[in-house]
Amino acid sequence: MKKDINFLPVEGVQVVIARKENLTGEYDWQVYLINQNTVPIKTVFVTSKGYGKKDEEEQKTSTLRHFFAEVQPGAHEVVETIMPDVFHLNNEYWVSYYIDNQVFDKKFIFVPDSIVEENLVTVPALGLEGILHE
């Protein structure tokens, strides 16, 4: 049963939505998972979905699932490409992984309109500007 699992707080794992200029001078946006721990994280599952309202009408995206066998210490993985068309939604990334035999689990939610120019910071692990969620 889920209530019998001891979930420790997630530390050292970040989700970032970062932009990178492409050949046409436009920005491509991608979602990254960063492991800032000193040990690898294993059996990593990331579930992503968007939900919210636009013009008083409910909207939601498809739910996508991603798997990474292992993310090394200090490394990152590209989870998915994200389009600016969904920045007005809650963009949720539910991350689950193991360190040794301990499971860790956390939802990272980028709230509506938080993915904007004013919120960009330099993300040293990527060498890009992005919106960092810890």
N, C-alpha and C. Protein backbone atom coordinates (compact mmCIF):
# COMPACT_ATOMS: atom_id res chain seq x y z
N MET A 1 0.84 -1.18 0.00
CA MET A 1 0.00 0.00 0.00
C MET A 1 0.89 1.25 0.00
N LYS A 2 0.42 2.28 -0.68
CA LYS A 2 1.20 3.51 -0.77
C LYS A 2 1.43 4.14 0.59
N LYS A 3 0.45 4.00 1.50
CA LYS A 3 0.59 4.60 2.83
C LYS A 3 1.69 3.93 3.64
N ASP A 4 2.11 2.73 3.24
CA ASP A 4 3.16 2.01 3.94
C ASP A 4 4.56 2.35 3.44
N ILE A 5 4.66 3.12 2.36
CA ILE A 5 5.95 3.50 1.81
C ILE A 5 6.44 4.77 2.50
N ASN A 6 7.69 4.73 2.94
CA ASN A 6 8.29 5.89 3.59
C ASN A 6 8.91 6.79 2.52
N PHE A 7 8.26 7.93 2.23
CA PHE A 7 8.77 8.88 1.24
C PHE A 7 9.60 9.94 1.94
N LEU A 8 10.88 9.98 1.62
CA LEU A 8 11.76 11.01 2.16
C LEU A 8 11.67 12.24 1.27
N PRO A 9 12.02 13.42 1.80
CA PRO A 9 11.95 14.63 0.96
C PRO A 9 12.94 14.57 -0.20
N VAL A 10 12.49 15.09 -1.33
CA VAL A 10 13.34 15.14 -2.53
C VAL A 10 14.32 16.29 -2.37
N GLU A 11 15.59 15.97 -2.53
CA GLU A 11 16.65 16.99 -2.49
C GLU A 11 17.61 16.72 -3.63
N GLY A 12 18.12 17.78 -4.23
CA GLY A 12 19.14 17.64 -5.26
C GLY A 12 18.63 17.29 -6.64
N VAL A 13 17.32 17.25 -6.82
CA VAL A 13 16.75 17.00 -8.14
C VAL A 13 15.95 18.23 -8.54
N GLN A 14 16.19 18.71 -9.75
CA GLN A 14 15.53 19.92 -10.24
C GLN A 14 14.88 19.65 -11.58
N VAL A 15 13.80 20.36 -11.83
CA VAL A 15 13.18 20.38 -13.16
C VAL A 15 13.31 21.81 -13.67
N VAL A 16 13.76 21.95 -14.90
CA VAL A 16 14.00 23.26 -15.50
C VAL A 16 13.33 23.31 -16.86
N ILE A 17 12.68 24.42 -17.15
CA ILE A 17 12.22 24.69 -18.51
C ILE A 17 13.14 25.77 -19.05
N ALA A 18 13.98 25.37 -20.02
CA ALA A 18 15.02 26.27 -20.52
C ALA A 18 14.86 26.50 -22.01
N ARG A 19 15.38 27.64 -22.43
CA ARG A 19 15.30 27.99 -23.85
C ARG A 19 16.69 28.01 -24.46
N LYS A 20 16.70 27.71 -25.76
CA LYS A 20 17.94 27.69 -26.52
C LYS A 20 17.64 28.28 -27.88
N GLU A 21 18.46 29.23 -28.31
CA GLU A 21 18.23 29.87 -29.61
C GLU A 21 18.55 28.87 -30.72
N ASN A 22 17.65 28.81 -31.71
CA ASN A 22 17.87 27.90 -32.84
C ASN A 22 18.47 28.67 -34.02
N LEU A 23 18.63 28.01 -35.13
CA LEU A 23 19.27 28.60 -36.32
C LEU A 23 18.48 29.75 -36.92
N THR A 24 17.18 29.83 -36.67
CA THR A 24 16.35 30.90 -37.23
C THR A 24 16.24 32.09 -36.28
N GLY A 25 16.94 32.04 -35.13
CA GLY A 25 16.88 33.14 -34.17
C GLY A 25 15.69 33.04 -33.22
N GLU A 26 14.89 32.00 -33.36
CA GLU A 26 13.76 31.75 -32.46
C GLU A 26 14.28 30.93 -31.27
N TYR A 27 13.41 30.77 -30.27
CA TYR A 27 13.79 29.94 -29.13
C TYR A 27 13.04 28.63 -29.15
N ASP A 28 13.78 27.55 -28.91
CA ASP A 28 13.20 26.24 -28.66
C ASP A 28 13.24 26.05 -27.14
N TRP A 29 12.15 25.53 -26.58
CA TRP A 29 12.04 25.33 -25.14
C TRP A 29 12.04 23.84 -24.85
N GLN A 30 12.82 23.46 -23.85
CA GLN A 30 12.86 22.06 -23.45
C GLN A 30 12.79 21.94 -21.94
N VAL A 31 12.28 20.80 -21.50
CA VAL A 31 12.20 20.50 -20.08
C VAL A 31 13.37 19.56 -19.75
N TYR A 32 14.10 19.91 -18.70
CA TYR A 32 15.26 19.14 -18.28
C TYR A 32 15.07 18.63 -16.86
N LEU A 33 15.62 17.47 -16.59
CA LEU A 33 15.72 16.93 -15.25
C LEU A 33 17.21 16.95 -14.89
N ILE A 34 17.54 17.58 -13.75
CA ILE A 34 18.94 17.70 -13.33
C ILE A 34 19.13 16.95 -12.02
N ASN A 35 20.16 16.13 -11.96
CA ASN A 35 20.54 15.43 -10.73
C ASN A 35 21.73 16.14 -10.11
N GLN A 36 21.50 16.90 -9.05
CA GLN A 36 22.57 17.62 -8.35
C GLN A 36 23.11 16.82 -7.16
N ASN A 37 22.64 15.59 -7.00
CA ASN A 37 23.11 14.74 -5.91
C ASN A 37 24.51 14.21 -6.20
N THR A 38 25.14 13.62 -5.19
CA THR A 38 26.48 13.04 -5.36
C THR A 38 26.40 11.55 -5.72
N VAL A 39 25.19 11.05 -5.88
CA VAL A 39 24.97 9.65 -6.25
C VAL A 39 24.00 9.61 -7.43
N PRO A 40 24.04 8.53 -8.22
CA PRO A 40 23.09 8.43 -9.32
C PRO A 40 21.66 8.23 -8.82
N ILE A 41 20.70 8.69 -9.60
CA ILE A 41 19.30 8.36 -9.34
C ILE A 41 18.91 7.32 -10.40
N LYS A 42 18.13 6.33 -9.97
CA LYS A 42 17.84 5.20 -10.86
C LYS A 42 16.34 4.98 -11.02
N THR A 43 15.99 4.28 -12.08
CA THR A 43 14.60 3.95 -12.40
C THR A 43 13.76 5.22 -12.31
N VAL A 44 14.12 6.21 -13.10
CA VAL A 44 13.50 7.53 -13.05
C VAL A 44 12.29 7.57 -13.98
N PHE A 45 11.14 7.88 -13.42
CA PHE A 45 9.92 8.07 -14.20
C PHE A 45 9.50 9.54 -14.09
N VAL A 46 9.15 10.15 -15.21
CA VAL A 46 8.63 11.51 -15.22
C VAL A 46 7.31 11.48 -15.99
N THR A 47 6.25 11.91 -15.32
CA THR A 47 4.95 12.02 -15.97
C THR A 47 4.66 13.50 -16.15
N SER A 48 4.28 13.90 -17.35
CA SER A 48 4.02 15.32 -17.60
C SER A 48 2.61 15.51 -18.12
N LYS A 49 2.01 16.64 -17.70
CA LYS A 49 0.70 17.01 -18.22
C LYS A 49 0.49 18.50 -17.97
N GLY A 50 -0.41 19.07 -18.77
CA GLY A 50 -0.79 20.46 -18.61
C GLY A 50 -2.29 20.54 -18.40
N TYR A 51 -2.71 21.49 -17.55
CA TYR A 51 -4.15 21.65 -17.29
C TYR A 51 -4.42 23.08 -16.82
N GLY A 52 -5.64 23.55 -17.07
CA GLY A 52 -6.03 24.89 -16.65
C GLY A 52 -7.18 25.40 -17.50
N LYS A 53 -7.29 26.73 -17.56
CA LYS A 53 -8.37 27.37 -18.31
C LYS A 53 -7.80 28.43 -19.25
N LYS A 54 -8.52 28.61 -20.35
CA LYS A 54 -8.25 29.72 -21.26
C LYS A 54 -9.60 30.22 -21.71
N ASP A 55 -9.85 31.50 -21.54
CA ASP A 55 -11.14 32.11 -21.87
C ASP A 55 -12.29 31.34 -21.21
N GLU A 56 -12.10 31.03 -19.92
CA GLU A 56 -13.11 30.33 -19.11
C GLU A 56 -13.41 28.91 -19.60
N GLU A 57 -12.60 28.38 -20.49
CA GLU A 57 -12.81 27.02 -20.99
C GLU A 57 -11.68 26.11 -20.48
N GLU A 58 -12.06 24.96 -19.91
CA GLU A 58 -11.09 24.00 -19.41
C GLU A 58 -10.23 23.48 -20.55
N GLN A 59 -8.93 23.39 -20.28
CA GLN A 59 -8.00 22.82 -21.25
C GLN A 59 -7.09 21.84 -20.54
N LYS A 60 -6.71 20.80 -21.25
CA LYS A 60 -5.70 19.89 -20.72
C LYS A 60 -4.96 19.25 -21.87
N THR A 61 -3.72 18.90 -21.60
CA THR A 61 -2.89 18.25 -22.60
C THR A 61 -2.91 16.74 -22.39
N SER A 62 -2.31 16.04 -23.29
CA SER A 62 -2.13 14.61 -23.10
C SER A 62 -1.16 14.38 -21.94
N THR A 63 -1.28 13.26 -21.29
CA THR A 63 -0.31 12.88 -20.27
C THR A 63 0.78 12.08 -20.96
N LEU A 64 2.02 12.50 -20.75
CA LEU A 64 3.17 11.83 -21.34
C LEU A 64 4.00 11.19 -20.23
N ARG A 65 4.59 10.05 -20.52
CA ARG A 65 5.42 9.35 -19.55
C ARG A 65 6.81 9.15 -20.13
N HIS A 66 7.82 9.39 -19.30
CA HIS A 66 9.21 9.28 -19.73
C HIS A 66 9.96 8.41 -18.73
N PHE A 67 10.95 7.67 -19.21
CA PHE A 67 11.73 6.79 -18.35
C PHE A 67 13.22 6.96 -18.64
N PHE A 68 13.99 7.04 -17.56
CA PHE A 68 15.45 7.06 -17.66
C PHE A 68 15.97 6.00 -16.69
N ALA A 69 16.77 5.09 -17.18
CA ALA A 69 17.28 4.01 -16.33
C ALA A 69 18.15 4.58 -15.20
N GLU A 70 18.93 5.61 -15.54
CA GLU A 70 19.83 6.18 -14.53
C GLU A 70 20.25 7.58 -14.97
N VAL A 71 20.35 8.49 -14.00
CA VAL A 71 20.89 9.82 -14.25
C VAL A 71 22.06 10.00 -13.28
N GLN A 72 23.23 10.16 -13.85
CA GLN A 72 24.46 10.24 -13.06
C GLN A 72 24.52 11.53 -12.23
N PRO A 73 25.35 11.56 -11.18
CA PRO A 73 25.52 12.77 -10.38
C PRO A 73 25.99 13.93 -11.25
N GLY A 74 25.36 15.08 -11.09
CA GLY A 74 25.73 16.28 -11.85
C GLY A 74 25.25 16.27 -13.30
N ALA A 75 24.56 15.23 -13.71
CA ALA A 75 24.12 15.12 -15.10
C ALA A 75 22.67 15.58 -15.25
N HIS A 76 22.26 15.72 -16.50
CA HIS A 76 20.88 16.11 -16.78
C HIS A 76 20.37 15.30 -17.97
N GLU A 77 19.06 15.25 -18.09
CA GLU A 77 18.39 14.58 -19.21
C GLU A 77 17.33 15.53 -19.76
N VAL A 78 17.15 15.51 -21.07
CA VAL A 78 16.06 16.24 -21.69
C VAL A 78 14.81 15.38 -21.53
N VAL A 79 13.80 15.92 -20.87
CA VAL A 79 12.56 15.18 -20.67
C VAL A 79 11.69 15.28 -21.91
N GLU A 80 11.48 16.52 -22.37
CA GLU A 80 10.62 16.72 -23.55
C GLU A 80 10.77 18.15 -24.05
N THR A 81 10.30 18.38 -25.25
CA THR A 81 10.17 19.73 -25.78
C THR A 81 8.82 20.27 -25.33
N ILE A 82 8.77 21.55 -24.99
CA ILE A 82 7.51 22.18 -24.58
C ILE A 82 7.27 23.39 -25.47
N MET A 83 6.04 23.54 -25.89
CA MET A 83 5.67 24.64 -26.79
C MET A 83 5.13 25.82 -25.98
N PRO A 84 5.43 27.05 -26.38
CA PRO A 84 4.89 28.23 -25.69
C PRO A 84 3.36 28.26 -25.65
N ASP A 85 2.71 27.51 -26.53
CA ASP A 85 1.24 27.47 -26.56
C ASP A 85 0.65 26.96 -25.25
N VAL A 86 1.43 26.26 -24.43
CA VAL A 86 0.90 25.71 -23.18
C VAL A 86 1.44 26.42 -21.93
N PHE A 87 2.14 27.52 -22.10
CA PHE A 87 2.69 28.26 -20.95
C PHE A 87 1.59 28.85 -20.08
N HIS A 88 0.39 29.03 -20.62
CA HIS A 88 -0.72 29.59 -19.84
C HIS A 88 -1.40 28.54 -18.95
N LEU A 89 -0.94 27.30 -19.04
CA LEU A 89 -1.50 26.21 -18.23
C LEU A 89 -0.60 25.90 -17.04
N ASN A 90 -1.12 25.15 -16.07
CA ASN A 90 -0.28 24.51 -15.07
C ASN A 90 0.46 23.40 -15.81
N ASN A 91 1.78 23.42 -15.77
CA ASN A 91 2.58 22.37 -16.39
C ASN A 91 3.21 21.55 -15.27
N GLU A 92 2.73 20.31 -15.14
CA GLU A 92 3.08 19.46 -14.00
C GLU A 92 4.02 18.34 -14.45
N TYR A 93 5.09 18.15 -13.66
CA TYR A 93 6.06 17.08 -13.89
C TYR A 93 6.17 16.30 -12.60
N TRP A 94 5.69 15.06 -12.63
CA TRP A 94 5.73 14.21 -11.46
C TRP A 94 6.93 13.28 -11.62
N VAL A 95 7.91 13.44 -10.73
CA VAL A 95 9.18 12.72 -10.83
C VAL A 95 9.26 11.68 -9.72
N SER A 96 9.56 10.44 -10.10
CA SER A 96 9.79 9.36 -9.13
C SER A 96 11.11 8.68 -9.49
N TYR A 97 11.89 8.33 -8.47
CA TYR A 97 13.18 7.68 -8.72
C TYR A 97 13.64 6.95 -7.46
N TYR A 98 14.70 6.18 -7.62
CA TYR A 98 15.30 5.46 -6.50
C TYR A 98 16.74 5.91 -6.28
N ILE A 99 17.11 5.99 -5.01
CA ILE A 99 18.50 6.05 -4.59
C ILE A 99 18.65 4.87 -3.65
N ASP A 100 19.51 3.92 -4.02
CA ASP A 100 19.61 2.63 -3.35
C ASP A 100 18.23 1.97 -3.40
N ASN A 101 17.66 1.61 -2.28
CA ASN A 101 16.33 0.98 -2.28
C ASN A 101 15.24 1.93 -1.82
N GLN A 102 15.56 3.21 -1.70
CA GLN A 102 14.60 4.21 -1.22
C GLN A 102 13.95 4.92 -2.41
N VAL A 103 12.62 4.96 -2.42
CA VAL A 103 11.90 5.66 -3.49
C VAL A 103 11.71 7.13 -3.09
N PHE A 104 11.83 8.01 -4.07
CA PHE A 104 11.60 9.44 -3.89
C PHE A 104 10.56 9.85 -4.92
N ASP A 105 9.75 10.85 -4.58
CA ASP A 105 8.60 11.19 -5.40
C ASP A 105 8.24 12.66 -5.15
N LYS A 106 8.09 13.43 -6.24
CA LYS A 106 7.72 14.85 -6.07
C LYS A 106 7.06 15.37 -7.34
N LYS A 107 6.06 16.24 -7.14
CA LYS A 107 5.45 16.96 -8.26
C LYS A 107 6.07 18.35 -8.34
N PHE A 108 6.50 18.70 -9.54
CA PHE A 108 7.02 20.03 -9.84
C PHE A 108 5.97 20.69 -10.73
N ILE A 109 5.36 21.78 -10.27
CA ILE A 109 4.30 22.44 -11.03
C ILE A 109 4.72 23.87 -11.39
N PHE A 110 4.76 24.14 -12.68
CA PHE A 110 4.99 25.49 -13.19
C PHE A 110 3.60 26.09 -13.38
N VAL A 111 3.26 27.08 -12.55
CA VAL A 111 1.91 27.65 -12.57
C VAL A 111 1.71 28.49 -13.83
N PRO A 112 0.43 28.79 -14.15
CA PRO A 112 0.15 29.55 -15.38
C PRO A 112 0.96 30.84 -15.47
N ASP A 113 1.48 31.07 -16.64
CA ASP A 113 2.22 32.29 -16.99
C ASP A 113 3.45 32.53 -16.12
N SER A 114 4.02 31.47 -15.53
CA SER A 114 5.28 31.61 -14.80
C SER A 114 6.48 31.47 -15.74
N ILE A 115 6.25 30.92 -16.92
CA ILE A 115 7.32 30.74 -17.89
C ILE A 115 7.36 31.98 -18.77
N VAL A 116 7.97 33.01 -18.21
CA VAL A 116 8.05 34.32 -18.87
C VAL A 116 9.46 34.87 -18.75
N GLU A 117 9.77 35.82 -19.59
CA GLU A 117 11.09 36.45 -19.66
C GLU A 117 11.58 36.95 -18.29
N GLU A 118 10.69 37.55 -17.50
CA GLU A 118 11.07 38.13 -16.21
C GLU A 118 11.54 37.08 -15.21
N ASN A 119 11.14 35.84 -15.39
CA ASN A 119 11.50 34.78 -14.44
C ASN A 119 12.71 33.96 -14.87
N LEU A 120 13.30 34.29 -16.01
CA LEU A 120 14.47 33.54 -16.49
C LEU A 120 15.67 33.78 -15.59
N VAL A 121 16.39 32.71 -15.29
CA VAL A 121 17.64 32.78 -14.55
C VAL A 121 18.67 31.95 -15.31
N THR A 122 19.92 32.19 -15.04
CA THR A 122 20.96 31.36 -15.63
C THR A 122 21.01 30.05 -14.86
N VAL A 123 21.00 28.96 -15.59
CA VAL A 123 21.06 27.63 -14.99
C VAL A 123 22.46 27.08 -15.30
N PRO A 124 23.38 27.19 -14.33
CA PRO A 124 24.76 26.79 -14.59
C PRO A 124 24.93 25.35 -15.08
N ALA A 125 24.12 24.42 -14.57
CA ALA A 125 24.25 23.02 -14.97
C ALA A 125 23.98 22.81 -16.45
N LEU A 126 23.22 23.73 -17.06
CA LEU A 126 22.86 23.61 -18.47
C LEU A 126 23.58 24.62 -19.35
N GLY A 127 24.04 25.72 -18.75
CA GLY A 127 24.62 26.80 -19.54
C GLY A 127 23.55 27.52 -20.36
N LEU A 128 22.31 27.51 -19.85
CA LEU A 128 21.18 28.13 -20.55
C LEU A 128 20.39 28.98 -19.57
N GLU A 129 19.50 29.82 -20.13
CA GLU A 129 18.54 30.54 -19.32
C GLU A 129 17.28 29.72 -19.23
N GLY A 130 16.68 29.73 -18.03
CA GLY A 130 15.46 28.96 -17.87
C GLY A 130 14.71 29.30 -16.60
N ILE A 131 13.62 28.59 -16.42
CA ILE A 131 12.80 28.70 -15.22
C ILE A 131 13.13 27.47 -14.39
N LEU A 132 13.67 27.71 -13.20
CA LEU A 132 14.17 26.62 -12.35
C LEU A 132 13.16 26.29 -11.28
N HIS A 133 12.85 25.02 -11.12
CA HIS A 133 11.94 24.55 -10.08
C HIS A 133 12.69 23.53 -9.23
N GLU A 134 12.77 23.81 -7.92
CA GLU A 134 13.50 22.89 -7.04
C GLU A 134 12.56 22.21 -6.08
